[in-house]
Every structure is written in C-alpha cells, then in structure tokens.
Amino acid sequence: MNKFKYTKWLLPVFAAAMGVSMVSCDDEPDKFELTDGTPSVHYVRMTSAPDSLVTEAYVDNLICLVGDNLTSIREMYFNDQKAVLNTSYITDHTLLVNIPRGIPEVETNKIYMYNKDGVKTEYDFRVLVPGPSLLSLSFEYAKPGDEVTLHGNYFVDDPNKPLAIMFPGDVPVTEIKSIEQTAVTFVVPEGATEEGEIELTTRYGSGTSKFHYLDTRGTLFNFDEGLQQQGWHAQAVVGDDWSFAGNYLQLGDGDAIMSEDGGWNDSKFSFEYWAGSWDTPQNITSGQGAALYNVADFSKPEKMALKFEMCIPSTNPWAAGAMQVCFQGLTQLSLSNNPITGISDPLPGAQAWAFNGEVGDDFKDREADWTDWGRYLYRPWQNAEKGEYHTDGKWITVTLPISQFRYTAKGTGAGKTPSKREDFASLTMFVVSGGVNGKECQPIIKIDNIRAVINE
C-alpha cells in the first residue's frame, strides 16, 4: 500500500472539516456525483490526529476513511447504526464521517458501505462506547418509594451485564421501570437516606454523578433556618402538605394575575435577598445580611450552577413572564446605602434598576452595570404543550448553569455578566418580562433549597 498516494488527499479534506469556506456549486468542477462500482477502504485516520491510523474509535468521533472510489458510497452503517453522510466531505479517495451516536444493538465490528445498486462492502472497524455519564436527577430530594428519572448518556442494559444503579451507602436500586440511552426511570430504594453521589454501571464501565442526592452543598436558602428574605418584599413561606422537607417559598397566590407580557408585580412574584444591613458599616460577613459569596464558595463561578427544587400545581400553570434570576455585587445592590468596609465607591442601596432600567442620576456613568447586566431567563412554558407549564404537582430539581447568566431584562445579550466572586452578593428571582410574550395566567410557583454548586 502506497500511503503517500493517499496522504496528498488528506490536507484539503481536513481543511474542509475545520470549516474552510467553499465556492459556490456553479464554480465547483469536482462537485459530488455518485459513481458506479464499489468502494475500497485502505485505512482510517482520526481527523484530530491525522498522522495516526486507527482500527477503532468512540461514538460521535469524526474519522476519515482513505481508499478508492469512495464516491460510490450511498449509505454507510457502523454495526447496525446508520451514519449521516455529507457529500461536501466525500471525494474519490477520502470520506469524512461522524461515527453514529446510537449504541449498537448488534456488534459486528464492521463498517458496511452500500453503493447505488445496494451492493455491500465491509471493513473491519470497532466502535467504542464510553462508560455512562450521569448528568441530572429529576428530583434530588426524592424519598424511598418515589419514582425518578436519571438523565445522561450511554445507559446500556445487557442481559449478560445488567445496568445497575447504586445510591450512597451502597444501597442498590431494585426496581427499574424503563431504560433508554439517555434516561433511566426507577424507584428510589428503601434505605436511601445518605447524601452523596449516585453510581451507574453498564457493560461499558461505571459513572458517578456530579450532582448529589439529598444535596446540602452550597445551600443559600432552605426557608427553615439560616438566611431569610430581605429586600422590598417578603413572599409567603409555607409548610403544608406540599412540603417535602420543612418550609418552602411560594411565588404567586393563585389570584395574582401575570399578564401575557410578564407585567410588573414584584409584590407577588419576586424573591429578594439583598445583602447588607442598616448598620454603619453594613454587615456583609456573616448571619442575616451576609454577602452570598461569604455563605457559599463562588471562587469558580464558570463551573457552577444555581439549583433549586420547584413545584407548580396543574391547576395554576405558568404561561408568561421569565423568571429573571439575577446575582449582583455590593456596588450594584445592597439593603441600604450605608458604607461597607473595603468599598470606597458610592453605593446605590436598594433599587430595581437591573429590572426597570431606571438608573439614578448619580450613577448614570455606570448605567451598564444594571441595564446591560446578565441574568438567567428561565421560562419553561415557552416550549411546553399549549404554552402552559406545570410539574403536575410534583417537585423537580431545576439547574441553571451560571455560564448562561448572560441576558438582559429585555432578553438581549448582556455586555456584562457575573464572573468573579464579588458579583455574587445578592440574589433576586423575579418573574417579569424577559422579551417573550406568553398568555395571561395565575401561576403558583413553589421553590425550596436554593443552592450554588459545582456542576461539572
């Protein structure tokens, strides 16, 4: 085999894979045409390491087949999984293709290539499947006997090596309801009482969750003890039959109307914790009024997420207004404008400029600190059936990556985003506006266990 003969075709193909622009079809003398005959493959290279020949690769990897008459390939399968062919990346001697993401049900360790007459050509190649990846649990505080869904990837059940799930304390799951590649539904086992990671094992290996079951890390508000609301409004804190553990916060009372454009109603739909106090200097170090960065570790915000549990009754669905989840630093917001040790800049104190854009005259030179400030816009109703979202009265865990806190109050891209420890002093969660209209509703949104945790 003369490798040099085929290597000369690789550079332009790899350049195309990197996104090099191509001329219009009218100017392409080598425009793809399905040819007669059958293909032959001489070897396979990784596009990420074009000097190495491979006989195996992981699902979803981009590889390059090198051979002859590859333009005769009409369809391609890896084991029993069909590949997507892009004719822009097929020449007579090279073919770029992503190995299908689907997990093969029958492993033959073959690539199957079919020409336009349906004639099959085989090539030995092994597809590797990673161990399982555990991304989220539908409800991290589910109790034994509750049905939950674990989301992730590469969940494979095999009769010779059944999928197994282990809770903290070496408590195995004994009742699995359904298994898909990206989701497993099961019943939380009796004896699951310890906080910690969940482990899942398949024939391809084991994976451990980044999230914790019964998570207490980075707790900011649990509405039983510790920090309480402080700002302009205090929403109802309730302990009743809806509770899964103590008290919870409730936005909306079932009578308060949310207009289709998410009209302003902070007295019913705004949770506020504005750091600081009426002391001179203000207290921001510990206890009530402490800056949140003194309560949880915000040293790596780019790797963190804000999490909370949420329950919305089906009788009062949410159908308008974005939940604007907004962290702010002390120079943007505090309970009072009394001095704070270590800060020499004037303090604006308590206000809602990040939401209404009405920045005071004395702070116009820093207007973008409010009007162009990033926050998360959470509106699950936007993709819900009939545009109405509820959790069917069940509690779920919501995860908002801090890397996605990048939109203004109007829904446009923000020029400034929370990115350093000091940006995480205060927290407001206000259902209002967001730039997308829904429909008038009277939502009830129950929230508990607001926390900031590493999410990767």
Protein backbone atom coordinates (compact mmCIF):
# COMPACT_ATOMS: atom_id res chain seq x y z
CA MET A 1 0.00 0.00 0.00
CA ASN A 2 1.39 3.37 -1.01
CA LYS A 3 0.43 5.73 1.85
CA PHE A 4 1.88 8.76 0.07
CA LYS A 5 -0.55 8.26 -2.79
CA TYR A 6 -3.48 8.85 -0.42
CA THR A 7 -1.90 11.28 2.04
CA LYS A 8 -1.88 14.02 -0.59
CA TRP A 9 -5.70 13.98 -0.49
CA LEU A 10 -5.94 14.46 3.28
CA LEU A 11 -4.91 18.09 3.73
CA PRO A 12 -7.73 19.62 1.69
CA VAL A 13 -10.26 17.31 3.33
CA PHE A 14 -9.10 18.17 6.85
CA ALA A 15 -9.18 21.85 5.92
CA ALA A 16 -12.79 21.45 4.89
CA ALA A 17 -13.55 19.77 8.19
CA MET A 18 -12.17 22.79 10.00
CA GLY A 19 -14.73 24.98 8.29
CA VAL A 20 -12.77 26.41 5.37
CA SER A 21 -15.31 28.07 3.06
CA MET A 22 -16.06 26.56 -0.31
CA VAL A 23 -17.01 28.25 -3.55
CA SER A 24 -20.50 28.06 -4.95
CA CYS A 25 -21.73 24.89 -6.62
CA ASP A 26 -21.67 26.58 -10.03
CA ASP A 27 -17.90 27.04 -9.69
CA GLU A 28 -17.09 23.54 -8.40
CA PRO A 29 -15.51 21.38 -11.06
CA ASP A 30 -15.37 18.47 -8.59
CA LYS A 31 -19.00 18.65 -7.48
CA PHE A 32 -20.05 15.34 -5.90
CA GLU A 33 -21.59 12.73 -8.14
CA LEU A 34 -22.47 9.20 -7.06
CA THR A 35 -20.24 6.89 -9.08
CA ASP A 36 -20.56 3.31 -10.26
CA GLY A 37 -18.71 0.36 -8.80
CA THR A 38 -17.85 -0.44 -5.21
CA PRO A 39 -15.56 1.31 -2.70
CA SER A 40 -12.39 0.02 -1.13
CA VAL A 41 -11.07 1.33 2.19
CA HIS A 42 -7.34 1.08 2.87
CA TYR A 43 -7.17 2.66 6.32
CA VAL A 44 -8.88 5.07 8.72
CA ARG A 45 -7.43 8.15 10.37
CA MET A 46 -8.65 10.40 13.18
CA THR A 47 -9.17 13.96 11.98
CA SER A 48 -7.83 15.16 15.33
CA ALA A 49 -4.59 13.22 14.77
CA PRO A 50 -4.20 12.72 11.02
CA ASP A 51 -0.81 11.00 11.33
CA SER A 52 -2.24 8.02 13.22
CA LEU A 53 -4.07 5.06 11.70
CA VAL A 54 -6.89 3.62 13.79
CA THR A 55 -8.95 0.44 13.82
CA GLU A 56 -11.36 1.64 16.49
CA ALA A 57 -12.87 4.92 17.77
CA TYR A 58 -15.56 6.18 20.11
CA VAL A 59 -19.11 7.03 19.08
CA ASP A 60 -19.56 10.55 17.67
CA ASN A 61 -15.86 10.86 16.78
CA LEU A 62 -15.05 12.36 13.37
CA ILE A 63 -12.93 9.99 11.29
CA CYS A 64 -11.54 9.95 7.77
CA LEU A 65 -11.73 6.88 5.55
CA VAL A 66 -8.98 6.71 2.95
CA GLY A 67 -9.29 4.49 -0.10
CA ASP A 68 -10.60 4.37 -3.68
CA ASN A 69 -13.94 5.11 -5.31
CA LEU A 70 -15.46 6.37 -2.05
CA THR A 71 -17.88 8.47 -4.10
CA SER A 72 -19.72 5.22 -4.85
CA ILE A 73 -20.98 5.03 -1.25
CA ARG A 74 -24.70 5.77 -0.98
CA GLU A 75 -25.24 4.56 2.60
CA MET A 76 -22.96 3.63 5.48
CA TYR A 77 -23.53 1.76 8.73
CA PHE A 78 -21.33 1.22 11.76
CA ASN A 79 -22.56 -2.10 13.13
CA ASP A 80 -26.35 -1.56 12.89
CA GLN A 81 -26.25 2.24 13.27
CA LYS A 82 -26.71 4.37 10.14
CA ALA A 83 -24.24 7.20 9.59
CA VAL A 84 -25.08 10.63 8.18
CA LEU A 85 -23.05 11.29 5.03
CA ASN A 86 -22.19 14.83 3.94
CA THR A 87 -21.27 14.83 0.25
CA SER A 88 -19.27 18.03 0.76
CA TYR A 89 -16.74 15.87 2.59
CA ILE A 90 -16.57 12.94 0.19
CA THR A 91 -14.01 12.63 -2.59
CA ASP A 92 -12.84 9.68 -4.63
CA HIS A 93 -10.10 8.92 -2.09
CA THR A 94 -11.33 10.38 1.25
CA LEU A 95 -14.55 10.43 3.25
CA LEU A 96 -15.19 12.30 6.49
CA VAL A 97 -17.92 10.93 8.72
CA ASN A 98 -19.03 11.08 12.35
CA ILE A 99 -19.47 7.68 13.96
CA PRO A 100 -23.20 7.47 14.88
CA ARG A 101 -24.10 8.35 18.46
CA GLY A 102 -26.51 5.45 18.82
CA ILE A 103 -25.35 2.41 20.73
CA PRO A 104 -25.35 -0.72 18.54
CA GLU A 105 -27.76 -3.46 19.47
CA VAL A 106 -25.74 -5.97 17.45
CA GLU A 107 -21.97 -5.57 17.48
CA THR A 108 -20.26 -6.94 14.38
CA ASN A 109 -17.24 -4.60 14.49
CA LYS A 110 -17.80 -3.73 10.84
CA ILE A 111 -18.41 -0.70 8.66
CA TYR A 112 -20.97 -1.52 5.98
CA MET A 113 -20.96 0.54 2.77
CA TYR A 114 -23.71 0.26 0.17
CA ASN A 115 -23.48 1.54 -3.40
CA LYS A 116 -26.39 2.72 -5.53
CA ASP A 117 -27.17 -0.86 -6.55
CA GLY A 118 -27.36 -1.99 -2.92
CA VAL A 119 -24.10 -3.97 -3.11
CA LYS A 120 -22.48 -4.18 0.32
CA THR A 121 -18.78 -3.68 1.07
CA GLU A 122 -17.42 -4.43 4.56
CA TYR A 123 -14.47 -3.03 6.50
CA ASP A 124 -13.27 -4.16 9.93
CA PHE A 125 -13.67 -1.37 12.46
CA ARG A 126 -14.61 -1.40 16.14
CA VAL A 127 -16.90 1.25 17.63
CA LEU A 128 -16.13 2.06 21.25
CA VAL A 129 -18.85 3.15 23.70
CA PRO A 130 -17.92 5.28 26.72
CA GLY A 131 -18.92 4.45 30.24
CA PRO A 132 -22.16 6.06 31.43
CA SER A 133 -22.42 9.80 32.01
CA LEU A 134 -24.80 10.91 34.81
CA LEU A 135 -25.97 14.49 34.30
CA SER A 136 -29.08 15.12 36.40
CA LEU A 137 -31.79 13.57 38.54
CA SER A 138 -35.39 14.69 38.08
CA PHE A 139 -35.75 15.30 41.84
CA GLU A 140 -32.63 15.24 44.00
CA TYR A 141 -34.65 15.07 47.24
CA ALA A 142 -36.90 12.16 46.26
CA LYS A 143 -37.72 9.80 49.09
CA PRO A 144 -37.59 5.99 49.11
CA GLY A 145 -40.54 4.72 47.08
CA ASP A 146 -40.64 7.78 44.79
CA GLU A 147 -40.22 7.31 41.05
CA VAL A 148 -37.47 9.44 39.49
CA THR A 149 -35.63 9.74 36.18
CA LEU A 150 -31.87 9.88 35.83
CA HIS A 151 -30.68 11.76 32.73
CA GLY A 152 -27.34 11.34 31.00
CA ASN A 153 -25.94 9.18 28.23
CA TYR A 154 -24.71 5.70 27.39
CA PHE A 155 -27.17 3.89 29.64
CA VAL A 156 -26.95 0.36 28.28
CA ASP A 157 -28.69 -2.71 29.62
CA ASP A 158 -27.29 -6.07 28.63
CA PRO A 159 -28.62 -9.49 29.67
CA ASN A 160 -25.08 -10.59 30.43
CA LYS A 161 -24.26 -7.38 32.32
CA PRO A 162 -27.47 -5.69 33.50
CA LEU A 163 -27.45 -1.96 34.17
CA ALA A 164 -27.06 -1.32 37.91
CA ILE A 165 -27.61 1.84 40.00
CA MET A 166 -26.15 2.38 43.47
CA PHE A 167 -27.19 5.07 45.93
CA PRO A 168 -24.90 6.49 48.65
CA GLY A 169 -24.24 3.99 51.41
CA ASP A 170 -24.10 1.12 48.90
CA VAL A 171 -27.88 0.96 48.57
CA PRO A 172 -28.80 -0.69 45.24
CA VAL A 173 -31.80 0.18 43.08
CA THR A 174 -34.01 -2.90 42.82
CA GLU A 175 -36.91 -1.58 40.73
CA ILE A 176 -36.10 -0.13 37.30
CA LYS A 177 -39.09 0.99 35.25
CA SER A 178 -37.51 1.81 31.88
CA ILE A 179 -34.11 2.23 30.24
CA GLU A 180 -33.21 4.42 27.27
CA GLN A 181 -29.78 5.53 26.10
CA THR A 182 -30.18 8.95 27.76
CA ALA A 183 -32.67 8.27 30.58
CA VAL A 184 -33.39 5.64 33.22
CA THR A 185 -36.57 5.70 35.30
CA PHE A 186 -36.55 3.83 38.61
CA VAL A 187 -37.87 3.78 42.16
CA VAL A 188 -35.66 5.24 44.90
CA PRO A 189 -34.73 2.23 47.06
CA GLU A 190 -35.54 1.75 50.71
CA GLY A 191 -32.56 2.71 52.83
CA ALA A 192 -31.53 5.63 50.62
CA THR A 193 -31.00 8.20 53.36
CA GLU A 194 -27.41 9.39 52.88
CA GLU A 195 -26.27 12.41 50.89
CA GLY A 196 -23.83 11.75 48.09
CA GLU A 197 -23.14 10.68 44.54
CA ILE A 198 -25.10 8.09 42.57
CA GLU A 199 -23.18 5.44 40.62
CA LEU A 200 -24.38 3.66 37.48
CA THR A 201 -22.65 0.64 35.94
CA THR A 202 -23.05 -0.90 32.47
CA ARG A 203 -21.08 -3.36 30.37
CA TYR A 204 -19.01 -0.40 29.21
CA GLY A 205 -17.96 0.80 32.66
CA SER A 206 -19.14 2.88 35.60
CA GLY A 207 -20.02 6.54 36.00
CA THR A 208 -20.57 8.71 39.05
CA SER A 209 -22.87 11.72 39.26
CA LYS A 210 -21.51 15.25 39.66
CA PHE A 211 -24.74 16.11 41.48
CA HIS A 212 -25.52 14.86 44.97
CA TYR A 213 -28.60 13.04 46.12
CA LEU A 214 -30.03 14.96 49.12
CA ASP A 215 -27.62 17.79 48.27
CA THR A 216 -26.67 20.21 51.06
CA ARG A 217 -23.59 21.71 49.40
CA GLY A 218 -23.62 25.45 48.84
CA THR A 219 -27.01 25.94 50.48
CA LEU A 220 -28.12 29.57 50.36
CA PHE A 221 -31.79 29.33 51.39
CA ASN A 222 -33.82 26.41 52.72
CA PHE A 223 -36.58 28.57 54.29
CA ASP A 224 -36.34 26.71 57.59
CA GLU A 225 -33.21 28.20 59.10
CA GLY A 226 -30.31 30.38 58.06
CA LEU A 227 -30.74 33.33 55.71
CA GLN A 228 -34.20 34.79 55.23
CA GLN A 229 -35.64 37.11 52.59
CA GLN A 230 -34.69 40.76 52.79
CA GLY A 231 -35.48 43.48 50.29
CA TRP A 232 -38.66 45.32 49.46
CA HIS A 233 -40.93 42.29 49.63
CA ALA A 234 -41.30 39.07 51.58
CA GLN A 235 -43.16 36.25 49.83
CA ALA A 236 -45.10 33.58 51.65
CA VAL A 237 -43.03 30.89 53.36
CA VAL A 238 -45.25 27.85 53.73
CA GLY A 239 -45.18 24.49 55.47
CA ASP A 240 -48.07 22.24 54.43
CA ASP A 241 -48.93 19.01 52.62
CA TRP A 242 -47.00 20.21 49.54
CA SER A 243 -43.75 20.28 51.53
CA PHE A 244 -41.14 17.60 51.01
CA ALA A 245 -38.90 18.84 53.84
CA GLY A 246 -39.95 21.72 56.08
CA ASN A 247 -40.94 25.09 54.64
CA TYR A 248 -40.81 26.37 51.07
CA LEU A 249 -41.16 29.75 49.33
CA GLN A 250 -44.20 30.49 47.19
CA LEU A 251 -44.42 32.99 44.32
CA GLY A 252 -47.98 33.84 43.37
CA ASP A 253 -51.09 33.08 45.40
CA GLY A 254 -53.41 31.72 42.72
CA ASP A 255 -55.25 35.02 42.43
CA ALA A 256 -52.42 37.32 41.31
CA ILE A 257 -52.51 37.72 37.52
CA MET A 258 -49.42 37.52 35.32
CA SER A 259 -50.16 39.41 32.10
CA GLU A 260 -49.14 37.98 28.74
CA ASP A 261 -46.10 40.27 28.56
CA GLY A 262 -44.99 39.34 32.09
CA GLY A 263 -46.15 42.61 33.64
CA TRP A 264 -44.52 44.05 36.76
CA ASN A 265 -45.84 42.56 40.01
CA ASP A 266 -42.93 42.36 42.42
CA SER A 267 -45.24 42.20 45.44
CA LYS A 268 -46.32 38.68 44.38
CA PHE A 269 -43.62 37.31 42.08
CA SER A 270 -40.24 38.50 43.40
CA PHE A 271 -37.92 36.70 45.82
CA GLU A 272 -35.32 39.11 47.16
CA TYR A 273 -32.19 38.69 49.20
CA TRP A 274 -30.31 41.97 49.13
CA ALA A 275 -27.09 41.67 51.10
CA GLY A 276 -26.16 44.19 53.78
CA SER A 277 -27.88 45.83 56.73
CA TRP A 278 -28.89 49.16 58.23
CA ASP A 279 -25.77 49.17 60.39
CA THR A 280 -22.84 51.51 59.79
CA PRO A 281 -20.84 49.93 58.34
CA GLN A 282 -23.20 47.38 56.83
CA ASN A 283 -22.82 43.75 57.87
CA ILE A 284 -21.89 41.54 54.92
CA THR A 285 -19.68 38.95 56.61
CA SER A 286 -21.96 36.52 58.46
CA GLY A 287 -25.51 35.91 59.60
CA GLN A 288 -28.51 37.69 58.14
CA GLY A 289 -27.35 40.20 55.55
CA ALA A 290 -24.15 38.34 54.69
CA ALA A 291 -23.00 38.58 51.10
CA LEU A 292 -23.78 35.26 49.45
CA TYR A 293 -20.13 34.81 48.48
CA ASN A 294 -19.46 34.58 52.22
CA VAL A 295 -22.07 31.83 52.53
CA ALA A 296 -21.10 29.59 49.58
CA ASP A 297 -17.88 29.22 47.60
CA PHE A 298 -18.15 31.26 44.40
CA SER A 299 -14.45 31.09 43.52
CA LYS A 300 -15.17 29.19 40.26
CA PRO A 301 -18.49 30.55 39.01
CA GLU A 302 -17.87 29.39 35.44
CA LYS A 303 -18.12 25.80 36.69
CA MET A 304 -21.15 26.34 38.92
CA ALA A 305 -24.92 26.22 38.69
CA LEU A 306 -27.72 27.64 40.76
CA LYS A 307 -30.10 24.84 41.74
CA PHE A 308 -33.45 24.73 43.46
CA GLU A 309 -36.48 22.49 43.77
CA MET A 310 -39.71 23.67 42.17
CA CYS A 311 -43.34 22.57 42.18
CA ILE A 312 -46.16 24.07 40.06
CA PRO A 313 -49.70 22.71 40.53
CA SER A 314 -51.55 21.76 37.33
CA THR A 315 -54.41 24.00 38.49
CA ASN A 316 -52.18 27.10 38.28
CA PRO A 317 -49.78 26.70 35.36
CA TRP A 318 -47.10 29.22 34.42
CA ALA A 319 -47.58 30.72 30.94
CA ALA A 320 -45.97 34.18 30.83
CA GLY A 321 -43.01 36.13 32.19
CA ALA A 322 -39.44 34.95 32.55
CA MET A 323 -38.07 34.12 35.98
CA GLN A 324 -35.17 36.53 35.93
CA VAL A 325 -32.55 35.02 38.22
CA CYS A 326 -30.09 37.79 38.94
CA PHE A 327 -26.97 37.88 41.12
CA GLN A 328 -25.50 41.31 41.87
CA GLY A 329 -22.44 42.69 43.61
CA LEU A 330 -22.48 45.14 46.51
CA THR A 331 -21.70 48.12 44.28
CA GLN A 332 -24.87 47.30 42.31
CA LEU A 333 -27.29 46.47 45.12
CA SER A 334 -27.41 46.34 48.92
CA LEU A 335 -30.07 46.64 51.61
CA SER A 336 -29.04 50.21 52.46
CA ASN A 337 -26.56 52.72 51.08
CA ASN A 338 -24.63 52.91 54.34
CA PRO A 339 -20.87 52.39 53.94
CA ILE A 340 -19.39 48.92 53.53
CA THR A 341 -15.88 48.22 54.78
CA GLY A 342 -13.44 47.92 51.89
CA ILE A 343 -15.68 49.65 49.31
CA SER A 344 -14.95 53.31 48.55
CA ASP A 345 -17.37 53.77 45.66
CA PRO A 346 -20.77 55.34 46.34
CA LEU A 347 -23.44 52.70 46.97
CA PRO A 348 -26.88 52.92 45.34
CA GLY A 349 -28.56 50.86 48.07
CA ALA A 350 -31.90 49.16 47.45
CA GLN A 351 -33.41 49.62 43.98
CA ALA A 352 -34.63 47.61 40.97
CA TRP A 353 -32.56 49.21 38.21
CA ALA A 354 -31.44 45.83 36.82
CA PHE A 355 -35.10 45.13 36.03
CA ASN A 356 -36.66 48.51 35.23
CA GLY A 357 -33.63 50.27 33.73
CA GLU A 358 -34.37 53.48 35.65
CA VAL A 359 -30.82 54.16 36.84
CA GLY A 360 -30.48 57.10 39.22
CA ASP A 361 -28.82 60.30 38.00
CA ASP A 362 -25.86 59.91 40.35
CA PHE A 363 -24.99 56.55 38.77
CA LYS A 364 -25.53 57.27 35.06
CA ASP A 365 -21.79 56.88 34.46
CA ARG A 366 -22.19 53.21 35.46
CA GLU A 367 -25.58 52.65 33.83
CA ALA A 368 -24.46 49.47 32.05
CA ASP A 369 -23.84 47.81 35.44
CA TRP A 370 -27.63 47.46 35.62
CA THR A 371 -29.10 47.82 32.13
CA ASP A 372 -26.52 45.58 30.46
CA TRP A 373 -26.13 43.10 33.32
CA GLY A 374 -26.50 39.37 32.70
CA ARG A 375 -29.01 37.13 34.41
CA TYR A 376 -30.72 33.80 33.63
CA LEU A 377 -34.11 33.98 31.95
CA TYR A 378 -35.98 30.83 32.96
CA ARG A 379 -39.27 30.30 31.12
CA PRO A 380 -40.06 26.57 30.72
CA TRP A 381 -43.56 27.44 29.49
CA GLN A 382 -42.10 28.61 26.18
CA ASN A 383 -41.70 25.04 24.93
CA ALA A 384 -44.50 23.46 26.95
CA GLU A 385 -47.66 21.98 25.48
CA LYS A 386 -50.18 24.78 24.84
CA GLY A 387 -47.60 27.21 26.21
CA GLU A 388 -48.54 26.28 29.80
CA TYR A 389 -46.01 24.76 32.17
CA HIS A 390 -46.62 22.87 35.38
CA THR A 391 -44.92 19.97 37.16
CA ASP A 392 -48.19 18.10 37.69
CA GLY A 393 -47.92 18.96 41.36
CA LYS A 394 -44.61 17.12 41.71
CA TRP A 395 -41.31 18.56 42.92
CA ILE A 396 -38.47 18.68 40.41
CA THR A 397 -34.88 19.90 40.54
CA VAL A 398 -34.03 22.91 38.37
CA THR A 399 -30.43 23.51 37.29
CA LEU A 400 -29.33 26.90 35.90
CA PRO A 401 -25.66 27.00 34.80
CA ILE A 402 -24.07 30.29 35.82
CA SER A 403 -22.30 30.37 32.46
CA GLN A 404 -25.78 31.01 30.99
CA PHE A 405 -26.45 34.11 33.11
CA ARG A 406 -25.96 36.29 30.03
CA TYR A 407 -29.21 38.06 29.12
CA THR A 408 -30.60 41.48 29.95
CA ALA A 409 -34.05 42.13 31.37
CA LYS A 410 -35.33 42.55 27.82
CA GLY A 411 -33.90 39.24 26.62
CA THR A 412 -30.98 40.63 24.62
CA GLY A 413 -27.38 39.53 25.05
CA ALA A 414 -25.72 41.19 28.04
CA GLY A 415 -22.42 43.01 27.77
CA LYS A 416 -21.55 42.31 31.41
CA THR A 417 -22.01 39.02 33.24
CA PRO A 418 -21.36 37.71 36.78
CA SER A 419 -17.88 36.23 36.52
CA LYS A 420 -15.98 36.88 39.75
CA ARG A 421 -16.61 36.08 43.40
CA GLU A 422 -17.69 39.61 44.32
CA ASP A 423 -20.52 39.53 41.75
CA PHE A 424 -22.44 37.08 43.94
CA ALA A 425 -23.52 39.14 46.95
CA SER A 426 -27.28 39.45 46.40
CA LEU A 427 -29.90 37.35 44.62
CA THR A 428 -33.25 38.32 43.10
CA MET A 429 -35.61 35.86 41.42
CA PHE A 430 -38.33 37.96 39.79
CA VAL A 431 -40.91 36.64 37.30
CA VAL A 432 -41.27 39.58 34.93
CA SER A 433 -40.97 40.47 31.25
CA GLY A 434 -37.96 38.84 29.51
CA GLY A 435 -38.78 39.85 25.95
CA VAL A 436 -41.13 36.97 25.03
CA ASN A 437 -44.91 37.16 25.36
CA GLY A 438 -46.98 34.27 26.63
CA LYS A 439 -50.56 34.31 27.78
CA GLU A 440 -52.30 35.61 30.87
CA CYS A 441 -52.10 33.22 33.80
CA GLN A 442 -52.34 32.97 37.60
CA PRO A 443 -49.31 30.83 38.40
CA ILE A 444 -48.24 29.36 41.71
CA ILE A 445 -44.51 28.59 41.84
CA LYS A 446 -43.22 26.76 44.91
CA ILE A 447 -39.44 26.89 45.50
CA ASP A 448 -37.10 25.28 48.03
CA ASN A 449 -33.43 24.60 48.72
CA ILE A 450 -31.76 27.31 46.65
CA ARG A 451 -28.08 26.40 46.38
CA ALA A 452 -24.94 27.12 44.38
CA VAL A 453 -22.81 24.08 43.48
CA ILE A 454 -20.07 22.91 41.15
CA ASN A 455 -21.84 21.43 38.14
CA GLU A 456 -19.06 19.81 36.08
